Amino acid sequence: MSVEDRPRFKKLELRDRLFQRRHLVPNVVTLGNMFCGFLTIIYSAQGRFGSAAIAIGIAILLDGLDGRVARRLNATSEFGVEFDSFSDLVSFGVAPAILMYHWCFQPRADEFGVLVCFVFALCAATRLARFNITSETLKSFEGLPTPGAAGMIAALVHLSPIIETTTALTAFGSLLTLSLAFLMVSKVKFFSLKHLKLKDVYLPGSLSLGLIIALIWYHSGIGFVLLASGYCLSGPVGYLKKKKVGATDPNQSEQDLKTKKAE
């Protein structure tokens, strides 16, 4: 090998090594997701609820990024799938449960708050386990995704990080936490934000999304609460609409019954 060919050979060898280790890139993004969940737990214990809510928001962004990076680099793997699930359990199951406990329950309803928040973490783990063993479509999910549930809690805390704990707040927090836990393990369908395209959104939906984005710019607290609650309510609202259509259209109900029997 000539002296002139050596730098070129080294570049090719380096490129080949980087290609072989490309699986590390999405796993590093997933690690960042888990680290944000860990920070949420630390911040919650310290009473830094605003920072804890922001950490969950960053974890949600990273969770939506790692899969895209893996597909872009053709670096998907079984290890990455399992690692992503464990990361989601920390960031969207345990972390928001601990945040809700310290923000809403600890001063007034310690033991009851432990139970409510544990139910949330348990349902998040169940939701992730069910997702791993079922083949769900790319456009929708069965049950509220854990980032959506965690995002609702983070948005609420971000709206008012410092608040006086009252009986009314404890009751509201209990209802919200248990409702989110129920939606995660329910059979209600939720659309996937990861594969949502703006061209598929109708005009009213596009206008509503634009207004919420503008509201986030001017008042992030209210804007994020509307965005998170809108997604969490989209599943139940869609379910009720389908039930109403099935009740008013007997032919549709019979067709659904035949489909279920065929399955």
C-alpha atoms as a PDB file:
ATOM      1  CA  MET A   1       0.000   0.000   0.000  1.00  0.00           C
ATOM      2  CA  SER A   2       1.342   3.384  -0.999  1.00  0.00           C
ATOM      3  CA  VAL A   3       1.669   6.317   1.343  1.00  0.00           C
ATOM      4  CA  GLU A   4      -1.073   8.187  -0.527  1.00  0.00           C
ATOM      5  CA  ASP A   5      -3.583   5.366  -0.066  1.00  0.00           C
ATOM      6  CA  ARG A   6      -3.121   5.101   3.713  1.00  0.00           C
ATOM      7  CA  PRO A   7      -5.275   8.130   4.734  1.00  0.00           C
ATOM      8  CA  ARG A   8      -8.030   6.914   2.440  1.00  0.00           C
ATOM      9  CA  PHE A   9      -7.848   3.428   3.904  1.00  0.00           C
ATOM     10  CA  LYS A  10      -8.028   4.814   7.438  1.00  0.00           C
ATOM     11  CA  LYS A  11     -11.104   6.857   6.551  1.00  0.00           C
ATOM     12  CA  LEU A  12     -12.841   3.808   5.113  1.00  0.00           C
ATOM     13  CA  GLU A  13     -11.897   1.735   8.163  1.00  0.00           C
ATOM     14  CA  LEU A  14     -13.182   4.444  10.500  1.00  0.00           C
ATOM     15  CA  ARG A  15     -16.418   4.741   8.537  1.00  0.00           C
ATOM     16  CA  ASP A  16     -16.889   0.967   8.691  1.00  0.00           C
ATOM     17  CA  ARG A  17     -16.381   0.942  12.468  1.00  0.00           C
ATOM     18  CA  LEU A  18     -18.843   3.786  12.934  1.00  0.00           C
ATOM     19  CA  PHE A  19     -21.403   1.966  10.797  1.00  0.00           C
ATOM     20  CA  GLN A  20     -21.022  -1.200  12.848  1.00  0.00           C
ATOM     21  CA  ARG A  21     -21.619   0.792  16.053  1.00  0.00           C
ATOM     22  CA  ARG A  22     -24.523   2.830  14.725  1.00  0.00           C
ATOM     23  CA  HIS A  23     -26.852   1.053  17.185  1.00  0.00           C
ATOM     24  CA  LEU A  24     -25.286   3.129  19.947  1.00  0.00           C
ATOM     25  CA  VAL A  25     -26.825   6.354  18.623  1.00  0.00           C
ATOM     26  CA  PRO A  26     -30.542   5.585  19.276  1.00  0.00           C
ATOM     27  CA  ASN A  27     -29.608   3.892  22.562  1.00  0.00           C
ATOM     28  CA  VAL A  28     -27.868   7.084  23.691  1.00  0.00           C
ATOM     29  CA  VAL A  29     -31.071   9.011  22.921  1.00  0.00           C
ATOM     30  CA  THR A  30     -33.039   6.457  24.940  1.00  0.00           C
ATOM     31  CA  LEU A  31     -30.518   6.833  27.758  1.00  0.00           C
ATOM     32  CA  GLY A  32     -31.183  10.575  27.719  1.00  0.00           C
ATOM     33  CA  ASN A  33     -34.881   9.819  28.076  1.00  0.00           C
ATOM     34  CA  MET A  34     -34.209   7.656  31.138  1.00  0.00           C
ATOM     35  CA  PHE A  35     -31.898  10.270  32.621  1.00  0.00           C
ATOM     36  CA  CYS A  36     -34.661  12.881  32.363  1.00  0.00           C
ATOM     37  CA  GLY A  37     -36.977  10.524  34.252  1.00  0.00           C
ATOM     38  CA  PHE A  38     -34.311  10.072  36.913  1.00  0.00           C
ATOM     39  CA  LEU A  39     -33.951  13.861  37.174  1.00  0.00           C
ATOM     40  CA  THR A  40     -37.714  14.155  37.595  1.00  0.00           C
ATOM     41  CA  ILE A  41     -37.558  11.882  40.625  1.00  0.00           C
ATOM     42  CA  ILE A  42     -34.691  13.878  42.150  1.00  0.00           C
ATOM     43  CA  TYR A  43     -36.352  17.242  41.482  1.00  0.00           C
ATOM     44  CA  SER A  44     -39.674  16.012  42.892  1.00  0.00           C
ATOM     45  CA  ALA A  45     -38.032  14.928  46.145  1.00  0.00           C
ATOM     46  CA  GLN A  46     -36.381  18.354  46.382  1.00  0.00           C
ATOM     47  CA  GLY A  47     -39.640  20.208  45.775  1.00  0.00           C
ATOM     48  CA  ARG A  48     -38.463  21.618  42.424  1.00  0.00           C
ATOM     49  CA  PHE A  49     -41.706  20.729  40.688  1.00  0.00           C
ATOM     50  CA  GLY A  50     -41.301  23.132  37.768  1.00  0.00           C
ATOM     51  CA  SER A  51     -37.955  21.597  36.819  1.00  0.00           C
ATOM     52  CA  ALA A  52     -39.406  18.104  37.239  1.00  0.00           C
ATOM     53  CA  ALA A  53     -42.230  18.888  34.807  1.00  0.00           C
ATOM     54  CA  ILE A  54     -39.770  20.260  32.244  1.00  0.00           C
ATOM     55  CA  ALA A  55     -37.638  17.106  32.567  1.00  0.00           C
ATOM     56  CA  ILE A  56     -40.683  14.970  31.698  1.00  0.00           C
ATOM     57  CA  GLY A  57     -41.355  17.186  28.687  1.00  0.00           C
ATOM     58  CA  ILE A  58     -37.789  16.683  27.437  1.00  0.00           C
ATOM     59  CA  ALA A  59     -38.146  12.930  28.016  1.00  0.00           C
ATOM     60  CA  ILE A  60     -41.262  12.916  25.806  1.00  0.00           C
ATOM     61  CA  LEU A  61     -39.347  14.651  23.007  1.00  0.00           C
ATOM     62  CA  LEU A  62     -36.460  12.187  23.277  1.00  0.00           C
ATOM     63  CA  ASP A  63     -38.878   9.254  23.294  1.00  0.00           C
ATOM     64  CA  GLY A  64     -40.285  10.421  19.981  1.00  0.00           C
ATOM     65  CA  LEU A  65     -36.782  10.866  18.597  1.00  0.00           C
ATOM     66  CA  ASP A  66     -35.055   7.569  19.387  1.00  0.00           C
ATOM     67  CA  GLY A  67     -37.290   5.473  17.145  1.00  0.00           C
ATOM     68  CA  ARG A  68     -36.870   7.882  14.243  1.00  0.00           C
ATOM     69  CA  VAL A  69     -33.094   7.844  14.661  1.00  0.00           C
ATOM     70  CA  ALA A  70     -33.025   4.041  14.776  1.00  0.00           C
ATOM     71  CA  ARG A  71     -35.084   3.734  11.590  1.00  0.00           C
ATOM     72  CA  ARG A  72     -33.074   6.452   9.871  1.00  0.00           C
ATOM     73  CA  LEU A  73     -29.796   4.675  10.598  1.00  0.00           C
ATOM     74  CA  ASN A  74     -31.283   1.213  10.046  1.00  0.00           C
ATOM     75  CA  ALA A  75     -30.202   0.453  13.603  1.00  0.00           C
ATOM     76  CA  THR A  76     -33.303  -1.151  15.094  1.00  0.00           C
ATOM     77  CA  SER A  77     -32.665  -4.071  17.441  1.00  0.00           C
ATOM     78  CA  GLU A  78     -34.431  -6.192  20.053  1.00  0.00           C
ATOM     79  CA  PHE A  79     -32.161  -4.721  22.715  1.00  0.00           C
ATOM     80  CA  GLY A  80     -33.222  -1.222  21.688  1.00  0.00           C
ATOM     81  CA  VAL A  81     -36.900  -2.141  21.959  1.00  0.00           C
ATOM     82  CA  GLU A  82     -36.517  -3.574  25.448  1.00  0.00           C
ATOM     83  CA  PHE A  83     -34.243  -0.743  26.580  1.00  0.00           C
ATOM     84  CA  ASP A  84     -36.810   1.774  25.350  1.00  0.00           C
ATOM     85  CA  SER A  85     -39.554   0.069  27.370  1.00  0.00           C
ATOM     86  CA  PHE A  86     -37.522   0.128  30.590  1.00  0.00           C
ATOM     87  CA  SER A  87     -36.673   3.766  29.942  1.00  0.00           C
ATOM     88  CA  ASP A  88     -40.348   4.615  29.405  1.00  0.00           C
ATOM     89  CA  LEU A  89     -41.270   2.880  32.656  1.00  0.00           C
ATOM     90  CA  VAL A  90     -38.853   5.134  34.536  1.00  0.00           C
ATOM     91  CA  SER A  91     -39.712   8.379  32.731  1.00  0.00           C
ATOM     92  CA  PHE A  92     -43.456   7.931  32.162  1.00  0.00           C
ATOM     93  CA  GLY A  93     -44.452   5.501  34.911  1.00  0.00           C
ATOM     94  CA  VAL A  94     -42.403   5.911  38.073  1.00  0.00           C
ATOM     95  CA  ALA A  95     -41.255   9.536  37.611  1.00  0.00           C
ATOM     96  CA  PRO A  96     -44.711  11.152  37.075  1.00  0.00           C
ATOM     97  CA  ALA A  97     -46.161   9.036  39.900  1.00  0.00           C
ATOM     98  CA  ILE A  98     -43.510  10.326  42.316  1.00  0.00           C
ATOM     99  CA  LEU A  99     -43.975  13.869  41.007  1.00  0.00           C
ATOM    100  CA  MET A 100     -47.731  13.683  41.601  1.00  0.00           C
ATOM    101  CA  TYR A 101     -47.190  12.234  45.081  1.00  0.00           C
ATOM    102  CA  HIS A 102     -44.900  15.038  46.233  1.00  0.00           C
ATOM    103  CA  TRP A 103     -46.881  17.797  44.483  1.00  0.00           C
ATOM    104  CA  CYS A 104     -50.386  16.763  45.509  1.00  0.00           C
ATOM    105  CA  PHE A 105     -50.523  14.132  48.241  1.00  0.00           C
ATOM    106  CA  GLN A 106     -47.573  14.155  50.626  1.00  0.00           C
ATOM    107  CA  PRO A 107     -48.627  16.905  53.081  1.00  0.00           C
ATOM    108  CA  ARG A 108     -52.292  15.842  53.481  1.00  0.00           C
ATOM    109  CA  ALA A 109     -52.898  12.304  52.266  1.00  0.00           C
ATOM    110  CA  ASP A 110     -49.623  10.459  52.585  1.00  0.00           C
ATOM    111  CA  GLU A 111     -50.750   6.802  52.678  1.00  0.00           C
ATOM    112  CA  PHE A 112     -53.653   7.325  50.282  1.00  0.00           C
ATOM    113  CA  GLY A 113     -51.370   9.169  47.875  1.00  0.00           C
ATOM    114  CA  VAL A 114     -48.896   6.284  47.900  1.00  0.00           C
ATOM    115  CA  LEU A 115     -51.681   3.916  46.850  1.00  0.00           C
ATOM    116  CA  VAL A 116     -53.028   6.176  44.091  1.00  0.00           C
ATOM    117  CA  CYS A 117     -49.590   6.867  42.626  1.00  0.00           C
ATOM    118  CA  PHE A 118     -48.628   3.199  42.790  1.00  0.00           C
ATOM    119  CA  VAL A 119     -51.747   2.334  40.786  1.00  0.00           C
ATOM    120  CA  PHE A 120     -50.603   4.817  38.137  1.00  0.00           C
ATOM    121  CA  ALA A 121     -47.112   3.277  37.969  1.00  0.00           C
ATOM    122  CA  LEU A 122     -48.599  -0.237  37.861  1.00  0.00           C
ATOM    123  CA  CYS A 123     -50.927   0.641  34.988  1.00  0.00           C
ATOM    124  CA  ALA A 124     -48.039   2.259  33.111  1.00  0.00           C
ATOM    125  CA  ALA A 125     -46.000  -0.946  33.463  1.00  0.00           C
ATOM    126  CA  THR A 126     -48.998  -2.983  32.293  1.00  0.00           C
ATOM    127  CA  ARG A 127     -49.500  -0.703  29.302  1.00  0.00           C
ATOM    128  CA  LEU A 128     -45.848  -1.040  28.252  1.00  0.00           C
ATOM    129  CA  ALA A 129     -45.853  -4.812  28.704  1.00  0.00           C
ATOM    130  CA  ARG A 130     -49.021  -5.137  26.615  1.00  0.00           C
ATOM    131  CA  PHE A 131     -47.502  -2.968  23.904  1.00  0.00           C
ATOM    132  CA  ASN A 132     -44.429  -5.238  23.710  1.00  0.00           C
ATOM    133  CA  ILE A 133     -46.415  -8.448  23.218  1.00  0.00           C
ATOM    134  CA  THR A 134     -49.028  -7.123  20.780  1.00  0.00           C
ATOM    135  CA  SER A 135     -48.635  -5.887  17.236  1.00  0.00           C
ATOM    136  CA  GLU A 136     -50.346  -2.514  17.222  1.00  0.00           C
ATOM    137  CA  THR A 137     -50.867  -0.422  14.112  1.00  0.00           C
ATOM    138  CA  LEU A 138     -48.673   2.567  13.358  1.00  0.00           C
ATOM    139  CA  LYS A 139     -51.615   4.983  13.222  1.00  0.00           C
ATOM    140  CA  SER A 140     -53.287   4.174  16.545  1.00  0.00           C
ATOM    141  CA  PHE A 141     -52.687   2.682  19.978  1.00  0.00           C
ATOM    142  CA  GLU A 142     -54.919   0.623  22.232  1.00  0.00           C
ATOM    143  CA  GLY A 143     -54.956   2.466  25.531  1.00  0.00           C
ATOM    144  CA  LEU A 144     -53.492   5.857  26.382  1.00  0.00           C
ATOM    145  CA  PRO A 145     -49.725   5.830  25.653  1.00  0.00           C
ATOM    146  CA  THR A 146     -47.604   6.367  28.744  1.00  0.00           C
ATOM    147  CA  PRO A 147     -46.012   9.588  27.387  1.00  0.00           C
ATOM    148  CA  GLY A 148     -49.508  11.032  27.030  1.00  0.00           C
ATOM    149  CA  ALA A 149     -50.406  10.226  30.649  1.00  0.00           C
ATOM    150  CA  ALA A 150     -47.085  11.550  31.934  1.00  0.00           C
ATOM    151  CA  GLY A 151     -47.461  14.645  29.753  1.00  0.00           C
ATOM    152  CA  MET A 152     -50.835  15.427  31.309  1.00  0.00           C
ATOM    153  CA  ILE A 153     -49.354  15.345  34.812  1.00  0.00           C
ATOM    154  CA  ALA A 154     -46.307  17.360  33.737  1.00  0.00           C
ATOM    155  CA  ALA A 155     -48.489  19.985  32.023  1.00  0.00           C
ATOM    156  CA  LEU A 156     -50.663  20.383  35.119  1.00  0.00           C
ATOM    157  CA  VAL A 157     -47.657  20.771  37.404  1.00  0.00           C
ATOM    158  CA  HIS A 158     -46.020  23.160  34.934  1.00  0.00           C
ATOM    159  CA  LEU A 159     -49.156  25.321  35.033  1.00  0.00           C
ATOM    160  CA  SER A 160     -48.892  25.733  38.803  1.00  0.00           C
ATOM    161  CA  PRO A 161     -45.655  24.285  40.241  1.00  0.00           C
ATOM    162  CA  ILE A 162     -46.162  25.914  43.650  1.00  0.00           C
ATOM    163  CA  ILE A 163     -49.662  25.442  45.018  1.00  0.00           C
ATOM    164  CA  GLU A 164     -51.212  25.059  48.443  1.00  0.00           C
ATOM    165  CA  THR A 165     -52.293  21.498  49.078  1.00  0.00           C
ATOM    166  CA  THR A 166     -56.003  21.396  49.940  1.00  0.00           C
ATOM    167  CA  THR A 167     -58.635  18.716  50.200  1.00  0.00           C
ATOM    168  CA  ALA A 168     -60.068  19.818  46.852  1.00  0.00           C
ATOM    169  CA  LEU A 169     -56.659  19.541  45.174  1.00  0.00           C
ATOM    170  CA  THR A 170     -56.105  16.087  46.663  1.00  0.00           C
ATOM    171  CA  ALA A 171     -59.514  14.933  45.411  1.00  0.00           C
ATOM    172  CA  PHE A 172     -58.868  16.365  41.943  1.00  0.00           C
ATOM    173  CA  GLY A 173     -55.381  14.833  41.826  1.00  0.00           C
ATOM    174  CA  SER A 174     -56.746  11.440  42.830  1.00  0.00           C
ATOM    175  CA  LEU A 175     -59.449  11.556  40.157  1.00  0.00           C
ATOM    176  CA  LEU A 176     -57.010  12.662  37.475  1.00  0.00           C
ATOM    177  CA  THR A 177     -54.311  10.120  38.371  1.00  0.00           C
ATOM    178  CA  LEU A 178     -56.738   7.197  38.526  1.00  0.00           C
ATOM    179  CA  SER A 179     -58.457   8.290  35.302  1.00  0.00           C
ATOM    180  CA  LEU A 180     -55.134   8.377  33.472  1.00  0.00           C
ATOM    181  CA  ALA A 181     -54.243   4.987  34.936  1.00  0.00           C
ATOM    182  CA  PHE A 182     -57.547   3.535  33.722  1.00  0.00           C
ATOM    183  CA  LEU A 183     -57.118   4.979  30.217  1.00  0.00           C
ATOM    184  CA  MET A 184     -53.654   3.427  29.924  1.00  0.00           C
ATOM    185  CA  VAL A 185     -54.992  -0.110  30.446  1.00  0.00           C
ATOM    186  CA  SER A 186     -58.286   0.436  28.627  1.00  0.00           C
ATOM    187  CA  LYS A 187     -59.197  -0.722  25.109  1.00  0.00           C
ATOM    188  CA  VAL A 188     -59.848   2.843  23.961  1.00  0.00           C
ATOM    189  CA  LYS A 189     -58.077   3.771  20.715  1.00  0.00           C
ATOM    190  CA  PHE A 190     -55.715   6.774  20.599  1.00  0.00           C
ATOM    191  CA  PHE A 191     -54.120   8.107  17.429  1.00  0.00           C
ATOM    192  CA  SER A 192     -50.339   8.061  17.145  1.00  0.00           C
ATOM    193  CA  LEU A 193     -48.612  11.440  17.169  1.00  0.00           C
ATOM    194  CA  LYS A 194     -45.423   9.890  15.811  1.00  0.00           C
ATOM    195  CA  HIS A 195     -47.045   9.078  12.469  1.00  0.00           C
ATOM    196  CA  LEU A 196     -49.523  11.938  12.295  1.00  0.00           C
ATOM    197  CA  LYS A 197     -49.280  14.031   9.124  1.00  0.00           C
ATOM    198  CA  LEU A 198     -50.720  17.531   8.900  1.00  0.00           C
ATOM    199  CA  LYS A 199     -52.249  16.780   5.506  1.00  0.00           C
ATOM    200  CA  ASP A 200     -54.413  14.110   7.154  1.00  0.00           C
ATOM    201  CA  VAL A 201     -55.805  16.585   9.725  1.00  0.00           C
ATOM    202  CA  TYR A 202     -59.100  18.269   8.909  1.00  0.00           C
ATOM    203  CA  LEU A 203     -59.429  22.050   8.863  1.00  0.00           C
ATOM    204  CA  PRO A 204     -61.032  22.382  12.359  1.00  0.00           C
ATOM    205  CA  GLY A 205     -58.276  20.235  13.830  1.00  0.00           C
ATOM    206  CA  SER A 206     -55.576  22.257  12.102  1.00  0.00           C
ATOM    207  CA  LEU A 207     -57.076  25.524  13.342  1.00  0.00           C
ATOM    208  CA  SER A 208     -57.348  24.179  16.887  1.00  0.00           C
ATOM    209  CA  LEU A 209     -53.747  22.972  16.812  1.00  0.00           C
ATOM    210  CA  GLY A 210     -52.593  26.345  15.511  1.00  0.00           C
ATOM    211  CA  LEU A 211     -54.449  28.179  18.275  1.00  0.00           C
ATOM    212  CA  ILE A 212     -52.947  25.909  20.932  1.00  0.00           C
ATOM    213  CA  ILE A 213     -49.428  26.455  19.567  1.00  0.00           C
ATOM    214  CA  ALA A 214     -50.011  30.207  19.624  1.00  0.00           C
ATOM    215  CA  LEU A 215     -51.308  29.936  23.188  1.00  0.00           C
ATOM    216  CA  ILE A 216     -48.212  27.950  24.188  1.00  0.00           C
ATOM    217  CA  TRP A 217     -46.101  30.809  22.847  1.00  0.00           C
ATOM    218  CA  TYR A 218     -47.946  33.419  24.924  1.00  0.00           C
ATOM    219  CA  HIS A 219     -48.803  31.306  27.998  1.00  0.00           C
ATOM    220  CA  SER A 220     -47.043  27.957  28.031  1.00  0.00           C
ATOM    221  CA  GLY A 221     -48.817  26.686  31.145  1.00  0.00           C
ATOM    222  CA  ILE A 222     -52.366  26.910  29.780  1.00  0.00           C
ATOM    223  CA  GLY A 223     -51.262  25.911  26.281  1.00  0.00           C
ATOM    224  CA  PHE A 224     -49.581  22.683  27.395  1.00  0.00           C
ATOM    225  CA  VAL A 225     -52.558  21.757  29.598  1.00  0.00           C
ATOM    226  CA  LEU A 226     -54.944  22.191  26.661  1.00  0.00           C
ATOM    227  CA  LEU A 227     -52.663  20.203  24.369  1.00  0.00           C
ATOM    228  CA  ALA A 228     -52.214  17.333  26.835  1.00  0.00           C
ATOM    229  CA  SER A 229     -55.864  17.211  27.912  1.00  0.00           C
ATOM    230  CA  GLY A 230     -56.995  17.382  24.271  1.00  0.00           C
ATOM    231  CA  TYR A 231     -54.957  14.278  23.443  1.00  0.00           C
ATOM    232  CA  CYS A 232     -56.071  12.403  26.571  1.00  0.00           C
ATOM    233  CA  LEU A 233     -59.724  13.186  25.799  1.00  0.00           C
ATOM    234  CA  SER A 234     -59.433  12.335  22.103  1.00  0.00           C
ATOM    235  CA  GLY A 235     -59.674   8.616  22.836  1.00  0.00           C
ATOM    236  CA  PRO A 236     -62.830   8.670  24.990  1.00  0.00           C
ATOM    237  CA  VAL A 237     -64.507  11.206  22.678  1.00  0.00           C
ATOM    238  CA  GLY A 238     -63.760   9.050  19.630  1.00  0.00           C
ATOM    239  CA  TYR A 239     -65.030   5.968  21.474  1.00  0.00           C
ATOM    240  CA  LEU A 240     -68.301   7.672  22.395  1.00  0.00           C
ATOM    241  CA  LYS A 241     -68.766   8.856  18.807  1.00  0.00           C
ATOM    242  CA  LYS A 242     -68.349   5.314  17.514  1.00  0.00           C
ATOM    243  CA  LYS A 243     -70.811   4.020  20.087  1.00  0.00           C
ATOM    244  CA  LYS A 244     -73.310   6.680  19.043  1.00  0.00           C
ATOM    245  CA  VAL A 245     -72.910   5.864  15.364  1.00  0.00           C
ATOM    246  CA  GLY A 246     -73.308   2.162  16.110  1.00  0.00           C
ATOM    247  CA  ALA A 247     -76.468   2.835  18.108  1.00  0.00           C
ATOM    248  CA  THR A 248     -78.044   4.950  15.333  1.00  0.00           C
ATOM    249  CA  ASP A 249     -76.922   2.675  12.477  1.00  0.00           C
ATOM    250  CA  PRO A 250     -78.135  -0.918  13.046  1.00  0.00           C
ATOM    251  CA  ASN A 251     -76.478  -2.118   9.818  1.00  0.00           C
ATOM    252  CA  GLN A 252     -73.120  -0.920  11.126  1.00  0.00           C
ATOM    253  CA  SER A 253     -73.704  -2.708  14.433  1.00  0.00           C
ATOM    254  CA  GLU A 254     -74.501  -5.959  12.641  1.00  0.00           C
ATOM    255  CA  GLN A 255     -71.372  -5.605  10.515  1.00  0.00           C
ATOM    256  CA  ASP A 256     -69.229  -5.053  13.635  1.00  0.00           C
ATOM    257  CA  LEU A 257     -70.816  -8.136  15.240  1.00  0.00           C
ATOM    258  CA  LYS A 258     -70.023 -10.264  12.169  1.00  0.00           C
ATOM    259  CA  THR A 259     -66.468  -8.989  12.165  1.00  0.00           C
ATOM    260  CA  LYS A 260     -65.993  -9.912  15.820  1.00  0.00           C
ATOM    261  CA  LYS A 261     -67.410 -13.398  15.237  1.00  0.00           C
ATOM    262  CA  ALA A 262     -65.107 -13.893  12.259  1.00  0.00           C
ATOM    263  CA  GLU A 263     -62.107 -12.929  14.412  1.00  0.00           C
END
